[in-house]
Protein backbone atom coordinates (compact mmCIF):
# COMPACT_ATOMS: atom_id res chain seq x y z
CA MET A 1 -86.41 15.54 -90.41
CA ALA A 2 -85.36 17.95 -87.36
CA ILE A 3 -88.29 18.51 -84.86
CA ILE A 4 -88.48 22.41 -83.36
CA GLN A 5 -89.99 21.76 -80.37
CA PHE A 6 -91.19 24.47 -77.67
CA PRO A 7 -91.38 24.81 -74.00
CA LYS A 8 -94.52 22.86 -72.33
CA ASP A 9 -95.20 26.75 -71.30
CA MET A 10 -95.15 28.53 -74.80
CA LYS A 11 -97.79 30.53 -75.28
CA TRP A 12 -99.69 30.91 -79.05
CA GLY A 13 -101.83 33.85 -80.15
CA VAL A 14 -103.04 36.40 -83.04
CA ALA A 15 -103.04 39.87 -83.04
CA THR A 16 -105.52 42.92 -84.77
CA ALA A 17 -106.38 46.44 -84.37
CA SER A 18 -109.31 48.61 -83.97
CA TYR A 19 -109.16 50.20 -86.90
CA GLN A 20 -107.95 48.18 -89.21
CA ILE A 21 -110.99 45.46 -88.46
CA GLU A 22 -114.04 46.94 -86.82
CA GLY A 23 -115.68 49.07 -88.76
CA ALA A 24 -118.78 50.97 -87.59
CA VAL A 25 -116.97 54.11 -87.73
CA LYS A 26 -119.65 56.29 -87.20
CA GLU A 27 -122.02 53.42 -84.42
CA GLY A 28 -122.06 53.26 -80.84
CA GLY A 29 -120.96 56.62 -80.36
CA ARG A 30 -117.63 56.34 -81.74
CA GLY A 31 -116.16 59.66 -82.35
CA PRO A 32 -113.72 60.41 -85.28
CA SER A 33 -110.08 59.66 -85.54
CA ILE A 34 -107.04 60.73 -87.22
CA TRP A 35 -107.38 57.79 -89.37
CA ASP A 36 -111.04 58.76 -90.53
CA THR A 37 -109.83 62.01 -91.49
CA PHE A 38 -106.37 60.74 -92.97
CA SER A 39 -107.90 57.82 -95.27
CA LYS A 40 -110.32 60.39 -96.77
CA THR A 41 -107.65 62.76 -97.46
CA PRO A 42 -107.35 62.36 -101.16
CA GLY A 43 -104.01 60.64 -102.43
CA LYS A 44 -103.24 59.29 -99.23
CA VAL A 45 -104.16 55.84 -99.16
CA VAL A 46 -104.17 53.38 -102.12
CA ASN A 47 -107.47 53.87 -103.99
CA GLY A 48 -108.51 55.58 -101.26
CA ASP A 49 -109.85 53.34 -98.96
CA ASN A 50 -111.30 53.70 -95.41
CA GLY A 51 -111.63 51.44 -92.40
CA ASP A 52 -115.84 52.40 -92.37
CA VAL A 53 -116.47 48.96 -92.76
CA ALA A 54 -113.23 47.08 -92.23
CA CYS A 55 -113.76 43.47 -91.46
CA GLY A 56 -117.00 44.33 -89.57
CA SER A 57 -115.80 42.86 -86.56
CA TYR A 58 -117.62 45.51 -84.20
CA TYR A 59 -120.68 43.19 -85.43
CA LYS A 60 -118.87 40.30 -86.42
CA TYR A 61 -116.38 39.55 -83.05
CA GLY A 62 -118.13 36.83 -82.10
CA GLU A 63 -117.88 34.58 -85.27
CA ASP A 64 -113.75 36.00 -84.84
CA ILE A 65 -113.44 34.70 -81.82
CA GLU A 66 -115.23 30.92 -82.49
CA ILE A 67 -112.61 30.96 -84.93
CA MET A 68 -110.05 31.79 -82.81
CA ASP A 69 -111.52 28.90 -80.36
CA ASP A 70 -110.92 26.68 -83.48
CA LEU A 71 -107.32 28.02 -83.52
CA GLY A 72 -106.04 27.10 -80.35
CA VAL A 73 -105.11 30.23 -78.92
CA ASP A 74 -103.96 31.26 -75.60
CA TYR A 75 -103.92 34.73 -76.62
CA TYR A 76 -106.01 37.15 -78.65
CA ARG A 77 -103.98 40.88 -78.91
CA PHE A 78 -106.97 43.33 -79.90
CA SER A 79 -106.48 47.10 -79.49
CA VAL A 80 -109.29 49.74 -78.07
CA ALA A 81 -110.29 52.70 -80.56
CA TRP A 82 -109.95 55.68 -77.69
CA PRO A 83 -112.31 57.69 -79.55
CA ARG A 84 -114.91 54.34 -79.29
CA ILE A 85 -114.34 55.59 -75.39
CA PHE A 86 -113.58 58.71 -75.56
CA PRO A 87 -115.83 60.58 -78.45
CA ASN A 88 -114.28 64.21 -77.50
CA GLY A 89 -110.59 62.41 -76.67
CA THR A 90 -111.47 63.37 -72.53
CA GLY A 91 -114.13 64.53 -70.50
CA GLU A 92 -117.43 62.54 -71.32
CA VAL A 93 -117.39 58.50 -71.38
CA ASN A 94 -119.05 56.44 -74.27
CA GLN A 95 -121.12 54.09 -72.24
CA GLU A 96 -121.47 52.11 -75.47
CA GLY A 97 -118.14 51.58 -76.00
CA LEU A 98 -117.39 50.45 -73.22
CA ASN A 99 -119.92 47.52 -73.86
CA TYR A 100 -118.87 47.05 -76.55
CA TYR A 101 -115.02 45.75 -75.34
CA HIS A 102 -116.57 44.16 -71.88
CA ASN A 103 -118.60 41.82 -74.45
CA LEU A 104 -115.31 40.87 -76.60
CA VAL A 105 -113.46 40.28 -73.55
CA ASP A 106 -116.43 38.54 -72.09
CA ARG A 107 -116.81 36.47 -74.78
CA LEU A 108 -113.14 35.87 -74.85
CA LEU A 109 -112.69 34.64 -71.42
CA GLU A 110 -115.98 31.83 -71.69
CA LYS A 111 -113.36 30.56 -74.49
CA GLY A 112 -110.28 30.64 -72.07
CA ILE A 113 -108.34 32.87 -74.51
CA GLU A 114 -106.38 35.54 -72.58
CA PRO A 115 -107.09 38.92 -74.05
CA MET A 116 -104.29 41.05 -74.27
CA CYS A 117 -105.33 44.66 -74.70
CA THR A 118 -103.02 47.82 -76.54
CA LEU A 119 -104.13 51.00 -74.86
CA TYR A 120 -103.19 52.88 -78.47
CA HIS A 121 -102.92 51.72 -82.06
CA TRP A 122 -103.14 54.43 -83.58
CA ASP A 123 -106.49 55.76 -83.58
CA LEU A 124 -106.32 58.94 -81.84
CA PRO A 125 -108.93 61.10 -81.52
CA GLN A 126 -109.61 63.73 -84.22
CA VAL A 127 -110.42 66.65 -81.66
CA ILE A 128 -107.03 66.07 -79.69
CA GLN A 129 -104.93 65.99 -83.17
CA ASP A 130 -107.15 69.52 -83.87
CA ASN A 131 -105.29 70.47 -80.58
CA GLY A 132 -101.87 69.66 -81.54
CA GLY A 133 -102.21 65.78 -81.00
CA TRP A 134 -98.64 64.31 -79.39
CA ASP A 135 -96.82 67.49 -79.71
CA ASN A 136 -98.96 68.72 -77.16
CA ARG A 137 -98.23 67.58 -74.01
CA GLU A 138 -101.30 68.17 -72.71
CA THR A 139 -102.12 65.09 -74.98
CA ILE A 140 -100.49 62.67 -72.46
CA ASP A 141 -103.13 63.55 -69.33
CA ALA A 142 -105.46 63.06 -71.79
CA PHE A 143 -104.00 59.38 -72.25
CA VAL A 144 -103.81 58.74 -69.00
CA GLU A 145 -107.10 59.49 -68.61
CA TYR A 146 -108.13 57.17 -70.76
CA ALA A 147 -105.80 53.98 -69.93
CA ASP A 148 -106.96 55.11 -65.89
CA LEU A 149 -110.33 54.36 -67.14
CA MET A 150 -109.42 51.35 -68.93
CA PHE A 151 -107.45 49.79 -66.22
CA LYS A 152 -110.37 50.24 -63.91
CA GLU A 153 -113.18 48.83 -65.71
CA PHE A 154 -111.32 45.59 -66.53
CA GLU A 155 -109.75 44.79 -63.50
CA GLY A 156 -109.82 41.17 -63.40
CA LYS A 157 -110.51 40.84 -66.33
CA ILE A 158 -107.65 42.25 -68.45
CA LYS A 159 -104.20 41.19 -66.83
CA TYR A 160 -102.22 41.84 -70.04
CA TRP A 161 -101.69 45.70 -70.96
CA ILE A 162 -99.41 47.00 -73.81
CA THR A 163 -99.51 51.03 -73.81
CA PHE A 164 -98.23 52.00 -77.65
CA ASN A 165 -98.07 49.75 -80.46
CA GLU A 166 -94.90 51.00 -82.82
CA PRO A 167 -94.12 54.35 -81.41
CA TRP A 168 -91.56 54.88 -84.08
CA CYS A 169 -94.97 54.18 -86.52
CA VAL A 170 -96.79 56.90 -84.26
CA SER A 171 -93.34 59.46 -83.91
CA PHE A 172 -91.35 59.07 -87.64
CA LEU A 173 -93.32 57.03 -89.99
CA SER A 174 -96.59 59.28 -89.27
CA ASN A 175 -94.78 62.87 -88.20
CA PHE A 176 -91.35 62.71 -90.60
CA ILE A 177 -92.20 60.11 -93.75
CA GLY A 178 -95.16 61.34 -93.86
CA ALA A 179 -96.89 57.73 -94.51
CA HIS A 180 -99.52 57.48 -91.97
CA ALA A 181 -101.96 59.65 -89.77
CA PRO A 182 -101.56 62.72 -89.89
CA GLY A 183 -99.12 62.69 -92.55
CA ASN A 184 -96.70 65.25 -91.25
CA LYS A 185 -93.35 65.83 -92.85
CA ASP A 186 -91.09 67.86 -89.71
CA LEU A 187 -87.93 65.70 -88.10
CA GLN A 188 -88.89 67.94 -84.81
CA LEU A 189 -92.26 67.37 -84.89
CA ALA A 190 -90.94 63.66 -85.32
CA VAL A 191 -88.81 63.71 -82.15
CA ASN A 192 -90.85 65.49 -80.17
CA VAL A 193 -94.04 63.06 -80.43
CA ALA A 194 -91.71 60.30 -79.75
CA HIS A 195 -90.59 61.70 -76.42
CA HIS A 196 -94.31 62.57 -75.38
CA LEU A 197 -95.18 59.18 -76.39
CA HIS A 198 -92.57 58.08 -74.17
CA VAL A 199 -93.65 59.50 -71.07
CA ALA A 200 -97.12 58.73 -71.36
CA HIS A 201 -96.17 55.21 -71.40
CA GLY A 202 -94.17 56.44 -68.40
CA LYS A 203 -96.70 58.15 -66.70
CA THR A 204 -99.61 54.85 -67.51
CA VAL A 205 -97.13 52.67 -66.06
CA ILE A 206 -97.31 55.26 -63.21
CA ARG A 207 -100.58 54.95 -62.97
CA PHE A 208 -100.91 51.05 -63.41
CA ARG A 209 -99.09 50.94 -60.30
CA GLU A 210 -100.73 53.16 -57.92
CA LEU A 211 -103.85 51.33 -58.92
CA GLY A 212 -102.78 48.12 -57.87
CA MET A 213 -103.99 46.37 -61.04
CA GLU A 214 -103.26 42.84 -61.25
CA GLY A 215 -102.02 41.90 -63.85
CA LYS A 216 -98.61 43.35 -66.15
CA ILE A 217 -97.49 46.01 -68.52
CA GLY A 218 -95.30 47.06 -71.31
CA TYR A 219 -95.06 48.46 -74.77
CA ALA A 220 -94.55 47.30 -78.50
CA PRO A 221 -91.65 48.83 -80.22
CA ASN A 222 -91.77 47.53 -83.97
CA VAL A 223 -88.34 46.23 -84.97
CA GLU A 224 -85.79 45.99 -87.82
CA TRP A 225 -82.84 44.64 -88.35
CA ASN A 226 -79.70 45.99 -90.45
CA GLU A 227 -76.94 44.02 -90.82
CA PRO A 228 -73.75 45.82 -92.31
CA TYR A 229 -72.60 45.25 -95.86
CA SER A 230 -69.06 44.92 -94.75
CA ASP A 231 -66.62 45.22 -91.80
CA LYS A 232 -65.59 48.79 -92.90
CA GLN A 233 -66.32 51.24 -89.48
CA GLU A 234 -68.58 53.31 -91.75
CA ASP A 235 -71.27 50.39 -92.80
CA ILE A 236 -71.23 49.40 -89.30
CA ASP A 237 -71.73 52.75 -88.01
CA ALA A 238 -74.08 53.27 -90.45
CA CYS A 239 -76.26 49.84 -89.79
CA ASN A 240 -75.88 51.27 -86.29
CA ARG A 241 -77.92 54.48 -86.66
CA ALA A 242 -80.15 52.62 -88.73
CA ASN A 243 -81.05 49.98 -86.50
CA ALA A 244 -80.82 52.69 -83.06
CA PHE A 245 -83.85 54.37 -85.44
CA PHE A 246 -86.01 51.24 -84.27
CA ILE A 247 -84.56 49.90 -81.37
CA ASP A 248 -82.31 52.24 -78.99
CA TRP A 249 -84.34 55.35 -79.43
CA PHE A 250 -87.44 53.44 -77.96
CA PHE A 251 -85.24 51.07 -76.24
CA ASP A 252 -82.93 52.91 -73.99
CA PRO A 253 -85.16 55.77 -72.62
CA VAL A 254 -87.06 53.00 -70.91
CA PHE A 255 -84.11 50.71 -69.71
CA LYS A 256 -81.38 53.39 -68.81
CA GLY A 257 -83.35 55.95 -68.45
CA SER A 258 -81.41 57.99 -71.04
CA TYR A 259 -81.82 58.66 -75.05
CA PRO A 260 -78.86 57.38 -76.85
CA GLN A 261 -75.77 60.00 -77.28
CA PHE A 262 -75.10 59.70 -80.77
CA MET A 263 -78.38 59.56 -81.81
CA VAL A 264 -79.02 62.63 -80.13
CA ASP A 265 -75.97 63.95 -82.07
CA TRP A 266 -77.05 63.22 -84.92
CA PHE A 267 -80.65 64.49 -84.82
CA ALA A 268 -78.89 68.08 -84.29
CA THR A 269 -76.63 67.80 -87.07
CA LYS A 270 -80.40 67.30 -88.68
CA GLY A 271 -81.68 70.46 -86.52
CA ALA A 272 -84.11 68.45 -84.22
CA THR A 273 -83.35 68.61 -80.60
CA LEU A 274 -84.95 66.81 -77.64
CA ASN A 275 -86.86 69.30 -75.36
CA ILE A 276 -86.79 67.39 -72.05
CA GLN A 277 -88.47 68.57 -68.75
CA ASP A 278 -87.17 68.27 -65.46
CA GLY A 279 -88.49 64.36 -64.56
CA ASP A 280 -89.36 63.37 -67.40
CA MET A 281 -86.39 60.58 -68.23
CA GLU A 282 -87.47 59.42 -64.34
CA THR A 283 -90.52 59.08 -65.51
CA ILE A 284 -90.05 56.96 -68.86
CA SER A 285 -88.06 54.58 -66.89
CA GLN A 286 -90.23 53.22 -64.86
CA PRO A 287 -89.59 49.26 -64.48
CA ILE A 288 -92.00 46.91 -67.25
CA ASP A 289 -93.47 43.44 -67.11
CA PHE A 290 -92.47 42.32 -70.49
CA ILE A 291 -91.41 44.02 -74.08
CA GLY A 292 -93.74 43.28 -77.10
CA ILE A 293 -91.47 42.77 -80.68
CA ASN A 294 -93.03 43.73 -83.82
CA TYR A 295 -91.15 41.84 -86.58
CA TYR A 296 -91.08 41.72 -90.00
CA THR A 297 -88.04 42.36 -92.14
CA GLY A 298 -84.50 43.31 -91.83
CA SER A 299 -81.86 44.19 -94.65
CA VAL A 300 -78.06 44.52 -95.14
CA GLY A 301 -77.00 48.34 -95.57
CA ARG A 302 -73.81 50.17 -95.94
CA TYR A 303 -72.44 53.78 -95.45
CA LYS A 304 -73.25 56.31 -98.35
CA GLU A 305 -73.56 60.14 -98.19
CA ASN A 306 -76.22 62.20 -98.10
CA GLU A 307 -78.17 58.54 -98.24
CA GLY A 308 -81.62 59.01 -96.48
CA LEU A 309 -81.45 60.05 -92.31
CA PHE A 310 -78.16 58.32 -91.74
CA ASP A 311 -76.30 57.85 -94.67
CA HIS A 312 -77.39 54.56 -94.73
CA GLU A 313 -78.25 52.59 -98.13
CA ARG A 314 -80.47 49.51 -97.96
CA VAL A 315 -78.73 46.51 -100.42
CA ASP A 316 -80.32 44.54 -101.95
CA THR A 317 -78.51 41.25 -101.72
CA GLY A 318 -81.43 39.07 -103.27
CA TYR A 319 -83.64 38.03 -100.51
CA GLN A 320 -87.05 36.83 -100.99
CA LYS A 321 -90.00 39.08 -100.73
CA THR A 322 -93.39 39.19 -99.78
CA ASP A 323 -96.20 40.67 -102.01
CA ILE A 324 -95.86 44.44 -100.05
CA GLY A 325 -92.19 44.21 -100.81
CA TRP A 326 -90.61 43.41 -98.10
CA ASN A 327 -87.32 41.71 -97.56
CA ILE A 328 -87.99 38.28 -95.80
CA TYR A 329 -84.88 38.19 -93.62
CA PRO A 330 -85.94 35.33 -90.55
CA GLU A 331 -82.12 36.17 -89.41
CA GLY A 332 -82.95 38.93 -88.93
CA PHE A 333 -85.57 37.94 -86.35
CA TYR A 334 -83.03 35.93 -84.43
CA LYS A 335 -80.13 38.16 -84.85
CA VAL A 336 -82.33 41.15 -83.39
CA LEU A 337 -84.05 39.33 -80.18
CA THR A 338 -80.46 38.57 -79.07
CA HIS A 339 -79.39 41.73 -79.40
CA ILE A 340 -82.54 43.02 -77.37
CA SER A 341 -81.56 40.47 -75.05
CA LYS A 342 -78.05 41.33 -74.33
CA THR A 343 -78.25 44.91 -74.39
CA TYR A 344 -81.68 45.48 -72.09
CA GLY A 345 -81.16 42.51 -70.26
CA ASP A 346 -83.67 39.66 -69.35
CA VAL A 347 -86.93 41.31 -69.31
CA PRO A 348 -89.70 38.64 -70.69
CA ILE A 349 -90.71 39.13 -74.03
CA TYR A 350 -93.72 38.42 -76.56
CA ILE A 351 -93.91 38.76 -80.05
CA THR A 352 -96.89 40.74 -80.63
CA GLU A 353 -96.26 40.95 -84.46
CA ASN A 354 -94.79 38.81 -86.88
CA GLY A 355 -96.72 37.97 -90.21
CA SER A 356 -96.09 38.26 -93.81
CA CYS A 357 -98.49 39.72 -96.41
CA TYR A 358 -99.58 37.56 -99.50
CA ASN A 359 -102.52 38.24 -101.56
CA ASP A 360 -103.71 34.54 -102.74
CA GLU A 361 -107.06 34.22 -102.88
CA PRO A 362 -109.71 31.71 -102.50
CA GLU A 363 -110.22 28.90 -105.05
CA ASN A 364 -112.65 26.22 -104.44
CA GLY A 365 -113.07 27.31 -101.46
CA GLN A 366 -109.50 26.65 -100.14
CA VAL A 367 -106.93 29.53 -100.15
CA LYS A 368 -103.57 27.78 -100.86
CA ASP A 369 -100.80 30.60 -99.12
CA GLU A 370 -97.79 28.46 -98.97
CA ARG A 371 -95.45 31.31 -98.99
CA ARG A 372 -97.33 32.26 -95.78
CA THR A 373 -96.77 28.88 -94.10
CA GLU A 374 -93.10 29.14 -94.74
CA TYR A 375 -92.34 31.93 -93.49
CA LEU A 376 -94.54 31.18 -90.29
CA ARG A 377 -92.07 28.41 -90.17
CA GLN A 378 -88.79 30.30 -90.81
CA HIS A 379 -89.45 32.83 -88.18
CA LEU A 380 -90.60 30.14 -85.66
CA VAL A 381 -86.81 28.30 -86.29
CA SER A 382 -85.29 31.78 -85.43
CA LEU A 383 -87.37 32.34 -82.49
CA HIS A 384 -86.39 28.71 -81.26
CA ARG A 385 -83.13 29.80 -81.81
CA ALA A 386 -82.79 32.75 -79.96
CA MET A 387 -84.67 30.98 -76.99
CA GLU A 388 -82.24 28.31 -77.32
CA ASN A 389 -79.51 31.14 -77.11
CA GLY A 390 -81.17 32.16 -73.78
CA VAL A 391 -83.45 34.93 -74.77
CA ASN A 392 -86.99 35.01 -72.42
CA ILE A 393 -89.36 34.82 -74.95
CA LYS A 394 -92.68 33.72 -73.16
CA GLY A 395 -95.42 33.64 -76.41
CA TYR A 396 -95.79 34.00 -80.18
CA LEU A 397 -98.98 35.98 -81.51
CA THR A 398 -99.10 36.21 -85.25
CA TRP A 399 -100.36 39.22 -87.56
CA SER A 400 -102.87 38.87 -88.23
CA LEU A 401 -105.71 36.86 -87.54
CA LEU A 402 -107.87 38.45 -90.29
CA ASP A 403 -106.76 39.87 -93.30
CA ASN A 404 -107.71 43.99 -93.07
CA PHE A 405 -107.27 47.40 -93.84
CA GLU A 406 -103.45 47.69 -93.77
CA TRP A 407 -103.22 51.41 -93.19
CA ALA A 408 -102.14 53.17 -96.03
CA GLU A 409 -101.92 50.23 -98.54
CA GLY A 410 -105.85 50.16 -97.96
CA TYR A 411 -107.52 46.79 -99.00
CA SER A 412 -104.49 46.03 -101.18
CA MET A 413 -102.10 43.89 -99.00
CA ARG A 414 -103.47 40.62 -96.95
CA PHE A 415 -101.46 39.73 -94.17
CA GLY A 416 -104.68 37.51 -92.55
CA ILE A 417 -103.95 33.42 -91.60
CA VAL A 418 -108.24 34.16 -92.44
CA HIS A 419 -109.40 35.14 -96.07
CA VAL A 420 -111.96 38.41 -95.44
CA ASN A 421 -113.84 38.80 -98.76
CA TYR A 422 -114.28 42.69 -98.19
CA ARG A 423 -117.60 42.62 -100.19
CA THR A 424 -119.51 39.98 -98.14
CA LEU A 425 -117.10 39.87 -95.26
CA GLU A 426 -117.06 36.47 -95.48
CA ARG A 427 -114.62 34.61 -93.70
CA THR A 428 -112.25 31.54 -94.81
CA LYS A 429 -109.38 30.03 -93.24
CA LYS A 430 -106.02 29.67 -95.28
CA ASP A 431 -103.86 26.43 -95.51
CA SER A 432 -101.94 28.23 -93.27
CA PHE A 433 -104.03 28.77 -90.73
CA TYR A 434 -104.25 25.28 -90.68
CA TRP A 435 -100.43 24.45 -90.31
CA TYR A 436 -100.61 26.98 -87.44
CA LYS A 437 -103.58 25.20 -86.06
CA GLN A 438 -101.28 21.72 -86.05
CA THR A 439 -98.15 23.63 -84.55
CA ILE A 440 -100.18 25.42 -81.55
CA ALA A 441 -101.88 21.41 -80.71
CA ASN A 442 -98.43 19.92 -80.85
CA ASN A 443 -96.04 22.70 -79.84
CA PHE A 444 -93.43 21.39 -82.40
CA PHE A 445 -93.29 21.37 -86.17
CA GLU A 446 -90.57 19.88 -88.13
CA VAL A 447 -88.18 21.51 -90.66
């Protein structure tokens, strides 16, 4: 057997998101978010599920931290619910909401767990959406106001900040494909939203620097890898467009100060144009301290005229799939990480999400989720390969600590290394939890 040994300074962790685990949506002074509205719109979420209760972590965060302490993690990545801090989006601050996150962070620090805070993991205050949401540039200023308060409140406590989680999902999945809140299907709107997210990210980084904050700040795009089916130029071009949809469109502005021209031109053929104001690109391209990378899947693709947005067809070449139907493609993890490193330089990378959906249930108090353990093992091998190839990986945080509200899939899909009984909220550590615990303790595993 081969041993996969990680560096001594490798950091390990788990990740969650506020709307997916907290519940208590009408408690503690919290205002409504777009996900409260979307999930209660008939036909939007499987089984009509919503996040009203979720995992009950608003009350059970202490138990969750005990579980993390047992796991032995270095980092806990969580997100703050913007409407729990500003129920009206801006203006009056909800002290109860701040107190909740202070209690959470204080308990983490007592256990020696480093908090990694995501400012935006999709729960936009509904009142802001009613005023145009991310299509309205006033939302940029509202977000910076919110971020400014959080920086000041948690100075010295939180040292790792993420501005936005998966801006592709916030823009294209939510406003072009329409699968997530607020559920629009308008390419021009999605392009507008993506740009405004970039500007909000840049302005938040500027504010962080102006305040002289101790710590580091970055963002966490989701990426996929599309491998060309053949070496035909049309297949290569189709996959380049499909990859750029996730990578170039959300990396080039931050690291190069411009959008990829071939994508600008392609969107223009579809009737969508960029509306860039003076100073936007300089704002967006502020230096950041790290990138968070969320990776789950990828595919082999080829050119097919009029297929989807990019004349790109995914080809099922026989990959095994998780229970949500996503290809298991660890080779793509290695390829996308090396591509990002070569294209955008030696910026430190944290894997802020990587995990798998398997809907195994407890039997006699045990959850035998060997498939999840194997998924983690395969992807950590690919991560190690990338590190051996010079990619500047600082840490790995698996998704997710808990089974939770899986957005449009409701409670039908389970990503956790800890099982949650959604009736009783009982937590059960899965076999993958114990494998991950051993990997963290040893800093290596065998393959």
